[in-house]
């Protein structure tokens, strides 16, 4: 009874959960639709901040070391945008996945893909390998998209992933429903 008064019954929790999921989906759509404006804003903010700290020339030197056919955007702005989008995707996955084991596996998978991305980026920088830049860019474009969220959700929802946490109930025989 106290749960109903406080508003923490299961239907309220379910409603709150789906409201959070809807809000995160809307945020992802808006960030995706307004990506150019967001990147322009982030570029302006990063350039002002780095100039104020006296690091503007170092940032430009880092930017000039990258093949212009790969990216024409300011790297700190792109990294910030990617982190924002990735955070929204991970929050959405956390809201969608009911099992903490599923959530941890999803985090590990994201981490492994990001490690591969970073390794390719370092290889590209060290060996001046354009192919590694392009491949790392494709990996980042994949990670910073809703595709992994949908894929992981469907993977876990269809029980190909880890089973839901918690003990399984034994099937009832129908003779005595209170016998469990």
N, C-alpha and C. Protein backbone atom coordinates (compact mmCIF):
# COMPACT_ATOMS: atom_id res chain seq x y z
N UNK A 1 0.82 -1.19 0.00
CA UNK A 1 0.00 0.00 0.00
C UNK A 1 0.87 1.26 0.00
N UNK A 2 1.95 1.22 0.77
CA UNK A 2 2.84 2.37 0.82
C UNK A 2 3.47 2.64 -0.55
N UNK A 3 3.73 1.57 -1.32
CA UNK A 3 4.29 1.74 -2.66
C UNK A 3 3.34 2.53 -3.56
N UNK A 4 2.05 2.29 -3.44
CA UNK A 4 1.07 2.98 -4.27
C UNK A 4 1.00 4.45 -3.88
N UNK A 5 1.06 4.74 -2.60
CA UNK A 5 0.98 6.12 -2.14
C UNK A 5 2.21 6.91 -2.59
N UNK A 6 3.37 6.31 -2.46
CA UNK A 6 4.60 6.99 -2.84
C UNK A 6 4.74 7.05 -4.36
N UNK A 7 4.10 6.16 -5.06
CA UNK A 7 4.17 6.16 -6.52
C UNK A 7 5.27 5.27 -7.06
N UNK A 8 5.66 4.25 -6.31
CA UNK A 8 6.73 3.38 -6.76
C UNK A 8 6.23 1.99 -7.12
N UNK A 9 4.94 1.87 -7.40
CA UNK A 9 4.45 0.56 -7.82
C UNK A 9 5.01 0.23 -9.20
N UNK A 10 4.82 -1.00 -9.63
CA UNK A 10 5.45 -1.45 -10.87
C UNK A 10 4.97 -0.68 -12.10
N UNK A 11 3.72 -0.29 -12.15
CA UNK A 11 3.24 0.45 -13.32
C UNK A 11 3.85 1.85 -13.37
N UNK A 12 4.06 2.48 -12.23
CA UNK A 12 4.71 3.79 -12.21
C UNK A 12 6.17 3.67 -12.63
N UNK A 13 6.84 2.62 -12.16
CA UNK A 13 8.23 2.42 -12.54
C UNK A 13 8.34 2.17 -14.05
N UNK A 14 7.41 1.37 -14.57
CA UNK A 14 7.40 1.09 -16.00
C UNK A 14 7.16 2.37 -16.80
N UNK A 15 6.23 3.20 -16.34
CA UNK A 15 5.94 4.46 -17.02
C UNK A 15 7.15 5.39 -17.00
N UNK A 16 7.80 5.48 -15.87
CA UNK A 16 9.00 6.32 -15.75
C UNK A 16 10.10 5.79 -16.66
N UNK A 17 10.28 4.47 -16.68
CA UNK A 17 11.30 3.85 -17.52
C UNK A 17 11.06 4.18 -18.98
N UNK A 18 9.83 4.04 -19.46
CA UNK A 18 9.54 4.32 -20.86
C UNK A 18 9.60 5.81 -21.17
N UNK A 19 9.32 6.66 -20.18
CA UNK A 19 9.48 8.10 -20.39
C UNK A 19 10.97 8.45 -20.55
N UNK A 20 11.82 7.82 -19.75
CA UNK A 20 13.26 8.02 -19.88
C UNK A 20 13.75 7.53 -21.23
N UNK A 21 13.29 6.35 -21.64
CA UNK A 21 13.68 5.80 -22.94
C UNK A 21 13.24 6.73 -24.07
N UNK A 22 12.01 7.21 -24.01
CA UNK A 22 11.51 8.14 -25.02
C UNK A 22 12.31 9.43 -25.07
N UNK A 23 12.65 9.95 -23.90
CA UNK A 23 13.44 11.18 -23.84
C UNK A 23 14.82 10.97 -24.44
N UNK A 24 15.45 9.83 -24.14
CA UNK A 24 16.77 9.55 -24.69
C UNK A 24 16.72 9.35 -26.21
N UNK A 25 15.69 8.68 -26.69
CA UNK A 25 15.53 8.51 -28.14
C UNK A 25 15.35 9.87 -28.81
N UNK A 26 14.52 10.72 -28.22
CA UNK A 26 14.32 12.07 -28.76
C UNK A 26 15.63 12.85 -28.76
N UNK A 27 16.39 12.75 -27.68
CA UNK A 27 17.68 13.45 -27.60
C UNK A 27 18.63 12.95 -28.70
N UNK A 28 18.66 11.63 -28.91
CA UNK A 28 19.51 11.08 -29.97
C UNK A 28 19.09 11.58 -31.35
N UNK A 29 17.80 11.62 -31.60
CA UNK A 29 17.30 12.11 -32.89
C UNK A 29 17.69 13.58 -33.07
N UNK A 30 17.51 14.39 -32.04
CA UNK A 30 17.83 15.81 -32.14
C UNK A 30 19.33 16.05 -32.34
N UNK A 31 20.15 15.30 -31.62
CA UNK A 31 21.60 15.43 -31.78
C UNK A 31 22.02 15.01 -33.18
N UNK A 32 21.35 14.00 -33.72
CA UNK A 32 21.66 13.54 -35.07
C UNK A 32 21.18 14.54 -36.13
N UNK A 33 20.00 15.08 -35.95
CA UNK A 33 19.45 16.03 -36.93
C UNK A 33 20.24 17.34 -36.94
N UNK A 34 20.64 17.80 -35.77
CA UNK A 34 21.34 19.08 -35.66
C UNK A 34 22.84 18.90 -35.49
N UNK A 35 23.40 17.85 -36.06
CA UNK A 35 24.83 17.57 -35.88
C UNK A 35 25.73 18.69 -36.41
N UNK A 36 25.39 19.26 -37.55
CA UNK A 36 26.21 20.34 -38.11
C UNK A 36 26.24 21.56 -37.18
N UNK A 37 25.08 21.95 -36.69
CA UNK A 37 25.02 23.10 -35.79
C UNK A 37 25.75 22.82 -34.48
N UNK A 38 25.59 21.61 -33.97
CA UNK A 38 26.27 21.24 -32.73
C UNK A 38 27.79 21.23 -32.93
N UNK A 39 28.24 20.66 -34.06
CA UNK A 39 29.67 20.64 -34.34
C UNK A 39 30.24 22.05 -34.53
N UNK A 40 29.48 22.91 -35.15
CA UNK A 40 29.92 24.31 -35.32
C UNK A 40 30.05 24.99 -33.97
N UNK A 41 29.07 24.79 -33.11
CA UNK A 41 29.12 25.36 -31.76
C UNK A 41 30.30 24.81 -30.98
N UNK A 42 30.50 23.50 -31.03
CA UNK A 42 31.61 22.88 -30.30
C UNK A 42 32.96 23.35 -30.85
N UNK A 43 33.05 23.51 -32.16
CA UNK A 43 34.30 24.00 -32.76
C UNK A 43 34.61 25.40 -32.26
N UNK A 44 33.62 26.27 -32.25
CA UNK A 44 33.80 27.63 -31.75
C UNK A 44 34.22 27.64 -30.29
N UNK A 45 33.53 26.84 -29.47
CA UNK A 45 33.86 26.79 -28.04
C UNK A 45 35.26 26.24 -27.81
N UNK A 46 35.63 25.17 -28.50
CA UNK A 46 36.95 24.57 -28.33
C UNK A 46 38.06 25.52 -28.79
N UNK A 47 37.86 26.18 -29.91
CA UNK A 47 38.89 27.10 -30.40
C UNK A 47 39.09 28.27 -29.44
N UNK A 48 38.00 28.80 -28.90
CA UNK A 48 38.11 29.89 -27.92
C UNK A 48 38.80 29.41 -26.65
N UNK A 49 38.41 28.23 -26.18
CA UNK A 49 38.99 27.70 -24.94
C UNK A 49 40.48 27.41 -25.11
N UNK A 50 40.85 26.80 -26.24
CA UNK A 50 42.26 26.48 -26.46
C UNK A 50 43.09 27.74 -26.68
N UNK A 51 42.51 28.73 -27.34
CA UNK A 51 43.22 30.00 -27.52
C UNK A 51 43.42 30.70 -26.17
N UNK A 52 42.41 30.65 -25.32
CA UNK A 52 42.52 31.27 -24.00
C UNK A 52 43.59 30.59 -23.15
N UNK A 53 43.78 29.30 -23.37
CA UNK A 53 44.80 28.56 -22.63
C UNK A 53 46.17 28.61 -23.31
N UNK A 54 46.23 29.23 -24.47
CA UNK A 54 47.48 29.32 -25.20
C UNK A 54 47.83 28.05 -25.96
N UNK A 55 46.85 27.21 -26.22
CA UNK A 55 47.09 25.94 -26.91
C UNK A 55 46.52 25.91 -28.32
N UNK A 56 46.13 27.04 -28.84
CA UNK A 56 45.51 27.10 -30.16
C UNK A 56 46.44 26.62 -31.26
N UNK A 57 47.72 27.00 -31.19
CA UNK A 57 48.66 26.59 -32.24
C UNK A 57 48.95 25.09 -32.19
N UNK A 58 49.02 24.53 -30.99
CA UNK A 58 49.24 23.08 -30.87
C UNK A 58 48.07 22.30 -31.45
N UNK A 59 46.86 22.78 -31.21
CA UNK A 59 45.68 22.11 -31.75
C UNK A 59 45.67 22.19 -33.28
N UNK A 60 46.05 23.32 -33.82
CA UNK A 60 46.11 23.46 -35.28
C UNK A 60 47.21 22.57 -35.87
N UNK A 61 48.32 22.42 -35.15
CA UNK A 61 49.40 21.55 -35.62
C UNK A 61 48.93 20.09 -35.65
N UNK A 62 48.20 19.69 -34.63
CA UNK A 62 47.65 18.33 -34.60
C UNK A 62 46.67 18.14 -35.75
N UNK A 63 45.84 19.13 -35.99
CA UNK A 63 44.84 19.07 -37.05
C UNK A 63 45.52 19.00 -38.43
N UNK A 64 46.59 19.76 -38.61
CA UNK A 64 47.24 19.79 -39.92
C UNK A 64 47.99 18.50 -40.23
N UNK A 65 48.27 17.70 -39.22
CA UNK A 65 48.95 16.43 -39.45
C UNK A 65 48.04 15.34 -39.98
N UNK A 66 46.77 15.62 -40.12
CA UNK A 66 45.81 14.63 -40.59
C UNK A 66 45.46 14.90 -42.03
N UNK A 67 45.40 13.86 -42.81
CA UNK A 67 45.06 13.96 -44.23
C UNK A 67 43.71 14.67 -44.36
N UNK A 68 43.66 15.73 -45.15
CA UNK A 68 42.43 16.52 -45.27
C UNK A 68 41.31 15.75 -45.96
N UNK A 69 41.64 14.66 -46.64
CA UNK A 69 40.60 13.83 -47.25
C UNK A 69 39.84 13.02 -46.21
N UNK A 70 40.41 12.90 -45.02
CA UNK A 70 39.78 12.12 -43.96
C UNK A 70 38.81 12.98 -43.15
N UNK A 71 39.30 14.08 -42.64
CA UNK A 71 38.43 14.94 -41.84
C UNK A 71 38.80 16.40 -42.05
N UNK A 72 37.80 17.21 -42.15
CA UNK A 72 38.01 18.66 -42.25
C UNK A 72 37.49 19.34 -40.99
N UNK A 73 37.04 18.57 -40.05
CA UNK A 73 36.48 19.12 -38.82
C UNK A 73 37.55 19.20 -37.74
N UNK A 74 37.32 20.09 -36.80
CA UNK A 74 38.24 20.29 -35.69
C UNK A 74 38.15 19.09 -34.74
N UNK A 75 39.27 18.42 -34.51
CA UNK A 75 39.26 17.15 -33.77
C UNK A 75 38.67 17.23 -32.36
N UNK A 76 39.00 18.23 -31.55
CA UNK A 76 38.38 18.28 -30.22
C UNK A 76 36.85 18.40 -30.28
N UNK A 77 36.34 19.11 -31.27
CA UNK A 77 34.89 19.24 -31.42
C UNK A 77 34.27 17.91 -31.81
N UNK A 78 34.92 17.20 -32.74
CA UNK A 78 34.42 15.89 -33.17
C UNK A 78 34.46 14.91 -32.01
N UNK A 79 35.53 14.94 -31.23
CA UNK A 79 35.64 14.04 -30.08
C UNK A 79 34.56 14.34 -29.04
N UNK A 80 34.27 15.60 -28.82
CA UNK A 80 33.23 15.98 -27.86
C UNK A 80 31.86 15.54 -28.35
N UNK A 81 31.60 15.75 -29.64
CA UNK A 81 30.33 15.32 -30.22
C UNK A 81 30.18 13.80 -30.10
N UNK A 82 31.25 13.08 -30.44
CA UNK A 82 31.21 11.62 -30.36
C UNK A 82 30.98 11.16 -28.92
N UNK A 83 31.61 11.81 -27.97
CA UNK A 83 31.41 11.44 -26.55
C UNK A 83 29.97 11.71 -26.11
N UNK A 84 29.40 12.83 -26.55
CA UNK A 84 28.00 13.14 -26.22
C UNK A 84 27.06 12.10 -26.81
N UNK A 85 27.25 11.78 -28.07
CA UNK A 85 26.38 10.81 -28.74
C UNK A 85 26.54 9.43 -28.12
N UNK A 86 27.79 9.06 -27.84
CA UNK A 86 28.05 7.76 -27.23
C UNK A 86 27.44 7.67 -25.84
N UNK A 87 27.52 8.75 -25.07
CA UNK A 87 26.91 8.77 -23.74
C UNK A 87 25.39 8.58 -23.83
N UNK A 88 24.77 9.25 -24.78
CA UNK A 88 23.32 9.08 -24.96
C UNK A 88 22.98 7.65 -25.36
N UNK A 89 23.79 7.06 -26.24
CA UNK A 89 23.55 5.67 -26.66
C UNK A 89 23.70 4.71 -25.48
N UNK A 90 24.73 4.91 -24.67
CA UNK A 90 24.94 4.03 -23.53
C UNK A 90 23.85 4.20 -22.48
N UNK A 91 23.41 5.42 -22.26
CA UNK A 91 22.29 5.64 -21.33
C UNK A 91 21.02 4.97 -21.84
N UNK A 92 20.79 5.06 -23.14
CA UNK A 92 19.62 4.41 -23.72
C UNK A 92 19.72 2.89 -23.56
N UNK A 93 20.88 2.33 -23.83
CA UNK A 93 21.06 0.89 -23.63
C UNK A 93 20.83 0.50 -22.18
N UNK A 94 21.32 1.31 -21.25
CA UNK A 94 21.11 1.01 -19.83
C UNK A 94 19.63 1.01 -19.49
N UNK A 95 18.90 1.94 -20.05
CA UNK A 95 17.46 2.01 -19.79
C UNK A 95 16.72 0.84 -20.45
N UNK A 96 17.19 0.39 -21.59
CA UNK A 96 16.52 -0.68 -22.32
C UNK A 96 16.81 -2.07 -21.75
N UNK A 97 18.05 -2.28 -21.31
CA UNK A 97 18.44 -3.61 -20.86
C UNK A 97 18.08 -3.80 -19.39
N UNK A 98 17.38 -4.89 -19.12
CA UNK A 98 16.90 -5.12 -17.76
C UNK A 98 17.94 -5.80 -16.88
N UNK A 99 18.86 -6.51 -17.46
CA UNK A 99 19.84 -7.27 -16.70
C UNK A 99 21.16 -6.51 -16.60
N UNK A 100 21.73 -6.49 -15.41
CA UNK A 100 23.02 -5.83 -15.26
C UNK A 100 24.12 -6.61 -15.99
N UNK A 101 23.96 -7.92 -16.13
CA UNK A 101 24.93 -8.72 -16.88
C UNK A 101 24.91 -8.32 -18.36
N UNK A 102 23.73 -8.08 -18.91
CA UNK A 102 23.62 -7.63 -20.29
C UNK A 102 24.27 -6.25 -20.46
N UNK A 103 24.01 -5.38 -19.52
CA UNK A 103 24.56 -4.03 -19.56
C UNK A 103 26.09 -4.08 -19.52
N UNK A 104 26.65 -4.89 -18.64
CA UNK A 104 28.11 -5.00 -18.55
C UNK A 104 28.71 -5.59 -19.82
N UNK A 105 28.04 -6.56 -20.41
CA UNK A 105 28.52 -7.13 -21.67
C UNK A 105 28.47 -6.08 -22.78
N UNK A 106 27.41 -5.30 -22.82
CA UNK A 106 27.30 -4.24 -23.82
C UNK A 106 28.43 -3.22 -23.63
N UNK A 107 28.73 -2.85 -22.40
CA UNK A 107 29.83 -1.93 -22.13
C UNK A 107 31.16 -2.51 -22.60
N UNK A 108 31.38 -3.79 -22.32
CA UNK A 108 32.62 -4.44 -22.75
C UNK A 108 32.75 -4.45 -24.28
N UNK A 109 31.65 -4.71 -24.96
CA UNK A 109 31.68 -4.72 -26.42
C UNK A 109 32.00 -3.33 -26.97
N UNK A 110 31.35 -2.30 -26.42
CA UNK A 110 31.66 -0.93 -26.84
C UNK A 110 33.13 -0.62 -26.57
N UNK A 111 33.63 -1.00 -25.39
CA UNK A 111 35.01 -0.73 -25.02
C UNK A 111 35.98 -1.40 -25.99
N UNK A 112 35.69 -2.66 -26.34
CA UNK A 112 36.58 -3.38 -27.26
C UNK A 112 36.62 -2.70 -28.63
N UNK A 113 35.49 -2.27 -29.12
CA UNK A 113 35.45 -1.59 -30.42
C UNK A 113 36.20 -0.27 -30.35
N UNK A 114 36.07 0.45 -29.25
CA UNK A 114 36.79 1.72 -29.10
C UNK A 114 38.29 1.51 -28.98
N UNK A 115 38.71 0.41 -28.38
CA UNK A 115 40.14 0.08 -28.31
C UNK A 115 40.68 -0.19 -29.72
N UNK A 116 39.92 -0.93 -30.52
CA UNK A 116 40.33 -1.18 -31.91
C UNK A 116 40.42 0.15 -32.67
N UNK A 117 39.46 1.02 -32.45
CA UNK A 117 39.47 2.34 -33.09
C UNK A 117 40.74 3.11 -32.71
N UNK A 118 41.04 3.16 -31.41
CA UNK A 118 42.21 3.89 -30.95
C UNK A 118 43.51 3.29 -31.49
N UNK A 119 43.58 1.96 -31.54
CA UNK A 119 44.78 1.30 -32.07
C UNK A 119 44.97 1.65 -33.54
N UNK A 120 43.89 1.63 -34.31
CA UNK A 120 44.00 2.00 -35.72
C UNK A 120 44.41 3.46 -35.90
N UNK A 121 43.87 4.32 -35.05
CA UNK A 121 44.21 5.73 -35.12
C UNK A 121 45.69 5.95 -34.81
N UNK A 122 46.20 5.26 -33.79
CA UNK A 122 47.63 5.37 -33.45
C UNK A 122 48.51 4.80 -34.56
N UNK A 123 48.09 3.69 -35.13
CA UNK A 123 48.82 3.10 -36.25
C UNK A 123 48.85 4.05 -37.43
N UNK A 124 47.74 4.65 -37.71
CA UNK A 124 47.65 5.59 -38.83
C UNK A 124 48.55 6.79 -38.61
N UNK A 125 48.58 7.28 -37.39
CA UNK A 125 49.41 8.44 -37.07
C UNK A 125 50.89 8.08 -37.14
N UNK A 126 51.25 6.91 -36.59
CA UNK A 126 52.65 6.51 -36.55
C UNK A 126 53.19 6.15 -37.94
N UNK A 127 52.39 5.44 -38.73
CA UNK A 127 52.84 4.96 -40.04
C UNK A 127 52.35 5.82 -41.19
N UNK A 128 51.62 6.87 -40.88
CA UNK A 128 51.02 7.74 -41.89
C UNK A 128 50.24 6.90 -42.92
N UNK A 129 49.44 5.98 -42.38
CA UNK A 129 48.66 5.06 -43.22
C UNK A 129 47.25 5.60 -43.40
N UNK A 130 46.96 6.03 -44.60
CA UNK A 130 45.65 6.60 -44.91
C UNK A 130 44.56 5.55 -44.73
N UNK A 131 44.83 4.30 -45.10
CA UNK A 131 43.83 3.24 -44.97
C UNK A 131 43.40 3.06 -43.51
N UNK A 132 44.36 3.20 -42.58
CA UNK A 132 44.02 3.04 -41.16
C UNK A 132 43.15 4.20 -40.68
N UNK A 133 43.43 5.42 -41.17
CA UNK A 133 42.56 6.56 -40.85
C UNK A 133 41.14 6.30 -41.34
N UNK A 134 41.04 5.85 -42.58
CA UNK A 134 39.72 5.62 -43.16
C UNK A 134 38.96 4.52 -42.41
N UNK A 135 39.66 3.44 -42.08
CA UNK A 135 39.02 2.36 -41.34
C UNK A 135 38.62 2.81 -39.93
N UNK A 136 39.48 3.57 -39.28
CA UNK A 136 39.14 4.06 -37.94
C UNK A 136 37.94 5.01 -38.01
N UNK A 137 37.88 5.79 -39.08
CA UNK A 137 36.74 6.69 -39.26
C UNK A 137 35.44 5.90 -39.46
N UNK A 138 35.51 4.82 -40.24
CA UNK A 138 34.33 3.98 -40.44
C UNK A 138 33.88 3.33 -39.13
N UNK A 139 34.85 2.90 -38.33
CA UNK A 139 34.52 2.30 -37.03
C UNK A 139 33.85 3.35 -36.13
N UNK A 140 34.42 4.56 -36.11
CA UNK A 140 33.83 5.61 -35.28
C UNK A 140 32.43 5.98 -35.77
N UNK A 141 32.24 6.05 -37.08
CA UNK A 141 30.91 6.35 -37.62
C UNK A 141 29.90 5.28 -37.23
N UNK A 142 30.35 4.03 -37.16
CA UNK A 142 29.47 2.94 -36.74
C UNK A 142 29.13 3.06 -35.26
N UNK A 143 30.13 3.30 -34.43
CA UNK A 143 29.91 3.37 -32.98
C UNK A 143 29.04 4.57 -32.62
N UNK A 144 29.28 5.69 -33.30
CA UNK A 144 28.51 6.90 -33.03
C UNK A 144 27.29 6.92 -33.95
N UNK A 145 26.47 5.91 -33.78
CA UNK A 145 25.22 5.79 -34.52
C UNK A 145 24.26 4.94 -33.70
N UNK A 146 23.00 4.93 -34.06
CA UNK A 146 22.05 4.09 -33.30
C UNK A 146 22.13 2.61 -33.67
N UNK A 147 22.91 2.25 -34.66
CA UNK A 147 22.98 0.86 -35.10
C UNK A 147 23.42 -0.10 -33.99
N UNK A 148 24.51 0.19 -33.25
CA UNK A 148 24.89 -0.73 -32.18
C UNK A 148 23.83 -0.84 -31.08
N UNK A 149 23.15 0.25 -30.78
CA UNK A 149 22.11 0.22 -29.75
C UNK A 149 20.99 -0.72 -30.17
N UNK A 150 20.52 -0.56 -31.40
CA UNK A 150 19.44 -1.41 -31.90
C UNK A 150 19.91 -2.87 -31.97
N UNK A 151 21.12 -3.07 -32.48
CA UNK A 151 21.64 -4.43 -32.60
C UNK A 151 21.80 -5.11 -31.25
N UNK A 152 22.37 -4.42 -30.28
CA UNK A 152 22.55 -5.02 -28.96
C UNK A 152 21.21 -5.26 -28.27
N UNK A 153 20.29 -4.32 -28.42
CA UNK A 153 18.97 -4.51 -27.81
C UNK A 153 18.28 -5.74 -28.39
N UNK A 154 18.30 -5.86 -29.72
CA UNK A 154 17.68 -7.02 -30.35
C UNK A 154 18.41 -8.30 -29.98
N UNK A 155 19.72 -8.25 -29.90
CA UNK A 155 20.52 -9.41 -29.53
C UNK A 155 20.11 -9.92 -28.14
N UNK A 156 20.00 -9.02 -27.19
CA UNK A 156 19.63 -9.43 -25.84
C UNK A 156 18.14 -9.74 -25.72
N UNK A 157 17.33 -9.04 -26.44
CA UNK A 157 15.88 -9.24 -26.37
C UNK A 157 15.46 -10.59 -26.93
N UNK A 158 16.19 -11.06 -27.94
CA UNK A 158 15.85 -12.35 -28.55
C UNK A 158 16.53 -13.51 -27.84
N UNK A 159 17.14 -13.25 -26.72
CA UNK A 159 17.79 -14.26 -25.86
C UNK A 159 19.00 -14.91 -26.51
N UNK A 160 19.59 -14.27 -27.51
CA UNK A 160 20.86 -14.78 -28.02
C UNK A 160 21.99 -14.36 -27.08
N UNK A 161 21.75 -13.27 -26.35
CA UNK A 161 22.73 -12.80 -25.40
C UNK A 161 22.55 -13.50 -24.08
N UNK A 162 23.09 -12.89 -23.04
CA UNK A 162 22.96 -13.47 -21.72
C UNK A 162 21.50 -13.54 -21.31
N UNK A 163 21.13 -14.59 -20.66
CA UNK A 163 19.75 -14.72 -20.17
C UNK A 163 19.52 -13.69 -19.09
N UNK A 164 18.28 -13.38 -18.87
CA UNK A 164 17.91 -12.41 -17.86
C UNK A 164 18.42 -12.86 -16.49
N UNK A 165 18.92 -11.91 -15.74
CA UNK A 165 19.44 -12.23 -14.42
C UNK A 165 18.31 -12.66 -13.50
N UNK A 166 18.63 -13.50 -12.60
CA UNK A 166 17.64 -13.94 -11.62
C UNK A 166 17.32 -15.40 -11.80
N UNK A 167 16.81 -16.01 -10.76
CA UNK A 167 16.51 -17.44 -10.83
C UNK A 167 15.31 -17.71 -11.73
N UNK A 168 15.35 -18.84 -12.38
CA UNK A 168 14.22 -19.25 -13.21
C UNK A 168 13.24 -20.03 -12.34
N UNK A 169 11.96 -19.83 -12.59
CA UNK A 169 10.93 -20.55 -11.85
C UNK A 169 10.68 -21.90 -12.51
N UNK A 170 10.45 -22.88 -11.68
CA UNK A 170 10.14 -24.20 -12.20
C UNK A 170 8.72 -24.18 -12.76
N UNK A 171 8.47 -24.90 -13.85
CA UNK A 171 7.12 -24.92 -14.41
C UNK A 171 6.16 -25.60 -13.46
N UNK A 172 4.95 -25.09 -13.45
CA UNK A 172 3.93 -25.69 -12.58
C UNK A 172 3.23 -26.81 -13.32
N UNK A 173 2.77 -27.79 -12.56
CA UNK A 173 2.08 -28.92 -13.16
C UNK A 173 0.59 -28.66 -13.25
N UNK A 174 0.14 -27.66 -12.60
CA UNK A 174 -1.30 -27.33 -12.64
C UNK A 174 -2.08 -27.99 -11.51
N UNK A 175 -1.50 -28.94 -10.81
CA UNK A 175 -2.22 -29.63 -9.74
C UNK A 175 -2.37 -28.73 -8.52
N UNK A 176 -1.30 -28.09 -8.13
CA UNK A 176 -1.35 -27.25 -6.94
C UNK A 176 -0.53 -26.00 -7.23
N UNK A 177 -1.16 -24.88 -7.52
CA UNK A 177 -0.40 -23.67 -7.86
C UNK A 177 0.38 -23.11 -6.69
N UNK A 178 0.05 -23.46 -5.46
CA UNK A 178 0.76 -22.97 -4.29
C UNK A 178 1.96 -23.84 -3.94
N UNK A 179 2.22 -24.89 -4.70
CA UNK A 179 3.28 -25.84 -4.36
C UNK A 179 4.66 -25.31 -4.69
N UNK A 180 4.77 -24.21 -5.38
CA UNK A 180 6.09 -23.67 -5.71
C UNK A 180 6.66 -23.14 -4.47
